Amino acid sequence: MYILLLIFHILVSIFLVMAVLIQSGKGSSMANIFGGGGMETVFGAETPAIMNRITAFLAIMFIITSLLLAIIPGKLTTRSILKEELNKPKKVLPLPSTPPSNN
């Protein structure tokens, strides 16, 4: 299941990058950098609504798959290094039988 989710996440990531790069948006041309972008707004340089919806859907899917990929590995692991260390028998050093004298 984890591998399938990872493959789905990679595909969503690729499609999200493509959807963002396809959009032109306002102010994306060289003329807008120097203040000559007034003609584009007259003829409508906005991104179509369907592209906005596709991008929003892909972004939501990206966030959901990212969260699932962060949560699922913790549920799959049953082995804990800390629990193994606590269950190991501890070495006990023997105490000296007579205390050292201070004379």
N, C-alpha and C. Protein backbone atom coordinates (compact mmCIF):
# COMPACT_ATOMS: atom_id res chain seq x y z
N MET A 1 0.81 -1.19 0.00
CA MET A 1 0.00 0.00 0.00
C MET A 1 0.86 1.26 0.00
N TYR A 2 1.95 1.20 0.76
CA TYR A 2 2.83 2.36 0.85
C TYR A 2 3.46 2.68 -0.51
N ILE A 3 3.86 1.64 -1.23
CA ILE A 3 4.49 1.84 -2.54
C ILE A 3 3.49 2.44 -3.53
N LEU A 4 2.26 1.96 -3.51
CA LEU A 4 1.23 2.51 -4.40
C LEU A 4 0.95 3.98 -4.07
N LEU A 5 0.90 4.30 -2.80
CA LEU A 5 0.68 5.69 -2.39
C LEU A 5 1.86 6.57 -2.81
N LEU A 6 3.06 6.04 -2.71
CA LEU A 6 4.24 6.79 -3.12
C LEU A 6 4.24 7.04 -4.63
N ILE A 7 3.86 6.04 -5.41
CA ILE A 7 3.77 6.21 -6.87
C ILE A 7 2.69 7.23 -7.22
N PHE A 8 1.54 7.15 -6.53
CA PHE A 8 0.46 8.12 -6.75
C PHE A 8 0.93 9.53 -6.40
N HIS A 9 1.68 9.66 -5.32
CA HIS A 9 2.19 10.97 -4.89
C HIS A 9 3.15 11.55 -5.93
N ILE A 10 3.99 10.72 -6.50
CA ILE A 10 4.93 11.19 -7.52
C ILE A 10 4.17 11.64 -8.76
N LEU A 11 3.15 10.88 -9.17
CA LEU A 11 2.34 11.27 -10.33
C LEU A 11 1.60 12.58 -10.08
N VAL A 12 1.03 12.72 -8.89
CA VAL A 12 0.34 13.97 -8.54
C VAL A 12 1.32 15.13 -8.57
N SER A 13 2.53 14.91 -8.08
CA SER A 13 3.55 15.97 -8.08
C SER A 13 3.91 16.40 -9.50
N ILE A 14 4.07 15.44 -10.38
CA ILE A 14 4.41 15.76 -11.77
C ILE A 14 3.27 16.53 -12.43
N PHE A 15 2.04 16.05 -12.24
CA PHE A 15 0.89 16.74 -12.83
C PHE A 15 0.70 18.14 -12.25
N LEU A 16 0.99 18.31 -10.96
CA LEU A 16 0.87 19.62 -10.34
C LEU A 16 1.90 20.60 -10.91
N VAL A 17 3.10 20.15 -11.09
CA VAL A 17 4.13 21.00 -11.70
C VAL A 17 3.74 21.38 -13.12
N MET A 18 3.22 20.41 -13.88
CA MET A 18 2.80 20.70 -15.25
C MET A 18 1.63 21.69 -15.27
N ALA A 19 0.68 21.52 -14.36
CA ALA A 19 -0.48 22.42 -14.32
C ALA A 19 -0.06 23.84 -13.97
N VAL A 20 0.89 23.98 -13.06
CA VAL A 20 1.36 25.32 -12.69
C VAL A 20 2.14 25.95 -13.84
N LEU A 21 2.93 25.16 -14.53
CA LEU A 21 3.72 25.71 -15.63
C LEU A 21 2.87 26.06 -16.85
N ILE A 22 1.76 25.38 -17.04
CA ILE A 22 0.89 25.67 -18.18
C ILE A 22 0.19 27.02 -18.01
N GLN A 23 -0.14 27.36 -16.79
CA GLN A 23 -0.87 28.61 -16.54
C GLN A 23 0.02 29.81 -16.85
N SER A 24 -0.60 30.81 -17.50
CA SER A 24 0.17 32.01 -17.81
C SER A 24 -0.04 33.08 -16.75
N GLY A 25 -1.24 33.26 -16.29
CA GLY A 25 -1.52 34.20 -15.21
C GLY A 25 -1.26 35.65 -15.59
N LYS A 26 -1.64 36.55 -14.67
CA LYS A 26 -1.42 37.97 -14.92
C LYS A 26 0.02 38.32 -14.60
N GLY A 27 0.58 39.20 -15.39
CA GLY A 27 1.91 39.71 -15.11
C GLY A 27 3.03 38.75 -15.40
N SER A 28 2.84 37.83 -16.32
CA SER A 28 3.88 36.85 -16.56
C SER A 28 4.71 37.14 -17.81
N SER A 29 4.38 38.17 -18.54
CA SER A 29 5.15 38.44 -19.75
C SER A 29 6.22 39.48 -19.49
N MET A 30 7.14 39.62 -20.43
CA MET A 30 8.23 40.58 -20.29
C MET A 30 7.71 42.02 -20.32
N ALA A 31 6.61 42.26 -21.02
CA ALA A 31 6.08 43.62 -21.10
C ALA A 31 5.59 44.10 -19.73
N ASN A 32 5.12 43.19 -18.92
CA ASN A 32 4.63 43.58 -17.60
C ASN A 32 5.76 43.99 -16.66
N ILE A 33 6.95 43.50 -16.90
CA ILE A 33 8.08 43.87 -16.05
C ILE A 33 8.39 45.35 -16.20
N PHE A 34 8.27 45.88 -17.42
CA PHE A 34 8.61 47.28 -17.69
C PHE A 34 7.37 48.17 -17.70
N GLY A 35 6.23 47.65 -17.29
CA GLY A 35 5.03 48.48 -17.17
C GLY A 35 4.18 48.55 -18.42
N GLY A 36 4.38 47.71 -19.39
CA GLY A 36 3.61 47.77 -20.62
C GLY A 36 2.61 46.65 -20.75
N GLY A 37 2.11 46.15 -19.65
CA GLY A 37 1.21 45.00 -19.71
C GLY A 37 -0.26 45.35 -19.74
N GLY A 38 -0.62 46.56 -20.08
CA GLY A 38 -2.02 46.97 -20.07
C GLY A 38 -2.84 46.31 -21.15
N MET A 39 -2.25 45.94 -22.27
CA MET A 39 -3.01 45.34 -23.37
C MET A 39 -3.47 43.93 -23.03
N GLU A 40 -2.72 43.22 -22.23
CA GLU A 40 -3.11 41.85 -21.91
C GLU A 40 -4.38 41.81 -21.08
N THR A 41 -4.56 42.78 -20.20
CA THR A 41 -5.76 42.76 -19.37
C THR A 41 -7.00 43.13 -20.18
N VAL A 42 -6.82 43.87 -21.26
CA VAL A 42 -7.96 44.21 -22.11
C VAL A 42 -8.49 42.96 -22.81
N PHE A 43 -7.57 42.13 -23.30
CA PHE A 43 -7.97 40.94 -24.04
C PHE A 43 -8.13 39.70 -23.15
N GLY A 44 -7.87 39.83 -21.87
CA GLY A 44 -8.08 38.73 -20.94
C GLY A 44 -6.95 37.74 -20.89
N ALA A 45 -5.97 38.00 -20.08
CA ALA A 45 -4.84 37.08 -19.94
C ALA A 45 -5.00 36.19 -18.72
N GLU A 46 -6.20 36.09 -18.19
CA GLU A 46 -6.41 35.26 -17.02
C GLU A 46 -6.39 33.78 -17.39
N THR A 47 -6.06 32.99 -16.41
CA THR A 47 -6.08 31.54 -16.58
C THR A 47 -7.54 31.07 -16.57
N PRO A 48 -7.90 30.15 -17.44
CA PRO A 48 -9.27 29.64 -17.44
C PRO A 48 -9.64 29.02 -16.09
N ALA A 49 -10.90 29.08 -15.76
CA ALA A 49 -11.37 28.58 -14.47
C ALA A 49 -11.10 27.09 -14.30
N ILE A 50 -11.15 26.33 -15.39
CA ILE A 50 -10.93 24.90 -15.28
C ILE A 50 -9.49 24.60 -14.86
N MET A 51 -8.54 25.40 -15.34
CA MET A 51 -7.14 25.20 -14.93
C MET A 51 -6.95 25.54 -13.46
N ASN A 52 -7.65 26.56 -12.98
CA ASN A 52 -7.57 26.89 -11.56
C ASN A 52 -8.11 25.75 -10.71
N ARG A 53 -9.20 25.15 -11.15
CA ARG A 53 -9.79 24.04 -10.40
C ARG A 53 -8.89 22.81 -10.43
N ILE A 54 -8.31 22.54 -11.59
CA ILE A 54 -7.41 21.39 -11.71
C ILE A 54 -6.20 21.58 -10.80
N THR A 55 -5.64 22.78 -10.81
CA THR A 55 -4.48 23.06 -9.97
C THR A 55 -4.83 22.96 -8.49
N ALA A 56 -5.99 23.48 -8.11
CA ALA A 56 -6.41 23.39 -6.70
C ALA A 56 -6.63 21.94 -6.29
N PHE A 57 -7.26 21.15 -7.16
CA PHE A 57 -7.48 19.73 -6.87
C PHE A 57 -6.15 19.00 -6.71
N LEU A 58 -5.21 19.25 -7.63
CA LEU A 58 -3.91 18.59 -7.54
C LEU A 58 -3.15 19.02 -6.30
N ALA A 59 -3.27 20.29 -5.92
CA ALA A 59 -2.59 20.77 -4.71
C ALA A 59 -3.17 20.10 -3.47
N ILE A 60 -4.48 19.95 -3.42
CA ILE A 60 -5.11 19.26 -2.28
C ILE A 60 -4.68 17.80 -2.23
N MET A 61 -4.64 17.14 -3.38
CA MET A 61 -4.20 15.74 -3.43
C MET A 61 -2.74 15.62 -3.01
N PHE A 62 -1.92 16.59 -3.39
CA PHE A 62 -0.52 16.58 -2.99
C PHE A 62 -0.37 16.69 -1.47
N ILE A 63 -1.15 17.56 -0.86
CA ILE A 63 -1.08 17.74 0.59
C ILE A 63 -1.57 16.47 1.31
N ILE A 64 -2.66 15.89 0.82
CA ILE A 64 -3.20 14.69 1.46
C ILE A 64 -2.22 13.54 1.35
N THR A 65 -1.66 13.33 0.16
CA THR A 65 -0.70 12.22 0.01
C THR A 65 0.57 12.48 0.80
N SER A 66 0.98 13.73 0.93
CA SER A 66 2.16 14.04 1.74
C SER A 66 1.91 13.69 3.20
N LEU A 67 0.74 14.05 3.71
CA LEU A 67 0.41 13.72 5.09
C LEU A 67 0.32 12.21 5.30
N LEU A 68 -0.31 11.52 4.36
CA LEU A 68 -0.42 10.06 4.49
C LEU A 68 0.95 9.39 4.43
N LEU A 69 1.83 9.89 3.58
CA LEU A 69 3.17 9.32 3.50
C LEU A 69 3.97 9.59 4.77
N ALA A 70 3.64 10.65 5.47
CA ALA A 70 4.32 10.94 6.73
C ALA A 70 3.76 10.11 7.88
N ILE A 71 2.48 9.76 7.83
CA ILE A 71 1.83 9.05 8.93
C ILE A 71 1.98 7.53 8.80
N ILE A 72 1.83 7.00 7.60
CA ILE A 72 1.76 5.55 7.40
C ILE A 72 3.03 4.81 7.83
N PRO A 73 4.24 5.29 7.55
CA PRO A 73 5.42 4.51 7.97
C PRO A 73 5.48 4.27 9.48
N GLY A 74 5.00 5.19 10.27
CA GLY A 74 4.98 4.99 11.71
C GLY A 74 4.06 3.87 12.13
N LYS A 75 2.98 3.67 11.40
CA LYS A 75 2.04 2.59 11.72
C LYS A 75 2.52 1.25 11.19
N LEU A 76 3.38 1.26 10.19
CA LEU A 76 3.86 0.01 9.61
C LEU A 76 4.98 -0.60 10.45
N THR A 77 5.74 0.22 11.15
CA THR A 77 6.86 -0.31 11.92
C THR A 77 6.37 -0.82 13.27
N THR A 78 6.77 -2.03 13.60
CA THR A 78 6.42 -2.61 14.89
C THR A 78 7.67 -2.76 15.75
N ARG A 79 8.80 -2.51 15.19
CA ARG A 79 10.07 -2.67 15.89
C ARG A 79 10.50 -1.33 16.46
N SER A 80 10.94 -1.34 17.71
CA SER A 80 11.41 -0.12 18.34
C SER A 80 12.78 -0.38 18.95
N ILE A 81 13.74 0.44 18.61
CA ILE A 81 15.09 0.29 19.14
C ILE A 81 15.09 0.59 20.64
N LEU A 82 14.31 1.58 21.05
CA LEU A 82 14.28 1.93 22.47
C LEU A 82 13.71 0.79 23.31
N LYS A 83 12.66 0.14 22.84
CA LYS A 83 12.08 -0.98 23.59
C LYS A 83 13.05 -2.15 23.66
N GLU A 84 13.81 -2.37 22.59
CA GLU A 84 14.81 -3.44 22.60
C GLU A 84 15.90 -3.15 23.63
N GLU A 85 16.32 -1.90 23.72
CA GLU A 85 17.35 -1.53 24.69
C GLU A 85 16.85 -1.68 26.12
N LEU A 86 15.58 -1.35 26.36
CA LEU A 86 15.04 -1.49 27.70
C LEU A 86 14.89 -2.94 28.12
N ASN A 87 14.65 -3.83 27.19
CA ASN A 87 14.44 -5.24 27.48
C ASN A 87 15.75 -6.02 27.58
N LYS A 88 16.87 -5.44 27.18
CA LYS A 88 18.16 -6.14 27.26
C LYS A 88 18.56 -6.31 28.72
N PRO A 89 19.17 -7.45 29.04
CA PRO A 89 19.67 -7.60 30.42
C PRO A 89 20.84 -6.64 30.63
N LYS A 90 20.86 -6.03 31.79
CA LYS A 90 21.90 -5.06 32.10
C LYS A 90 23.06 -5.73 32.81
N LYS A 91 24.26 -5.26 32.54
CA LYS A 91 25.44 -5.78 33.22
C LYS A 91 25.51 -5.16 34.60
N VAL A 92 25.71 -6.00 35.58
CA VAL A 92 25.85 -5.53 36.95
C VAL A 92 27.27 -5.82 37.40
N LEU A 93 27.96 -4.79 37.82
CA LEU A 93 29.33 -4.97 38.29
C LEU A 93 29.28 -5.40 39.76
N PRO A 94 30.12 -6.37 40.15
CA PRO A 94 30.12 -6.79 41.55
C PRO A 94 30.75 -5.71 42.45
N LEU A 95 30.17 -5.56 43.62
CA LEU A 95 30.71 -4.62 44.60
C LEU A 95 31.87 -5.27 45.35
N PRO A 96 32.84 -4.46 45.75
CA PRO A 96 33.94 -5.05 46.54
C PRO A 96 33.41 -5.51 47.90
N SER A 97 33.97 -6.61 48.41
CA SER A 97 33.47 -7.19 49.65
C SER A 97 33.87 -6.38 50.88
N THR A 98 35.03 -5.77 50.88
CA THR A 98 35.46 -4.95 52.01
C THR A 98 35.67 -3.52 51.53
N PRO A 99 35.22 -2.55 52.29
CA PRO A 99 35.47 -1.18 51.88
C PRO A 99 36.93 -0.82 52.04
N PRO A 100 37.43 0.02 51.18
CA PRO A 100 38.84 0.42 51.29
C PRO A 100 39.07 1.23 52.58
N SER A 101 40.22 1.02 53.19
CA SER A 101 40.53 1.75 54.43
C SER A 101 41.13 3.10 54.11
N ASN A 102 40.89 4.04 54.99
CA ASN A 102 41.39 5.40 54.78
C ASN A 102 42.72 5.64 55.47
N ASN A 103 43.34 4.65 56.08
CA ASN A 103 44.61 4.82 56.80
C ASN A 103 45.76 4.82 55.91
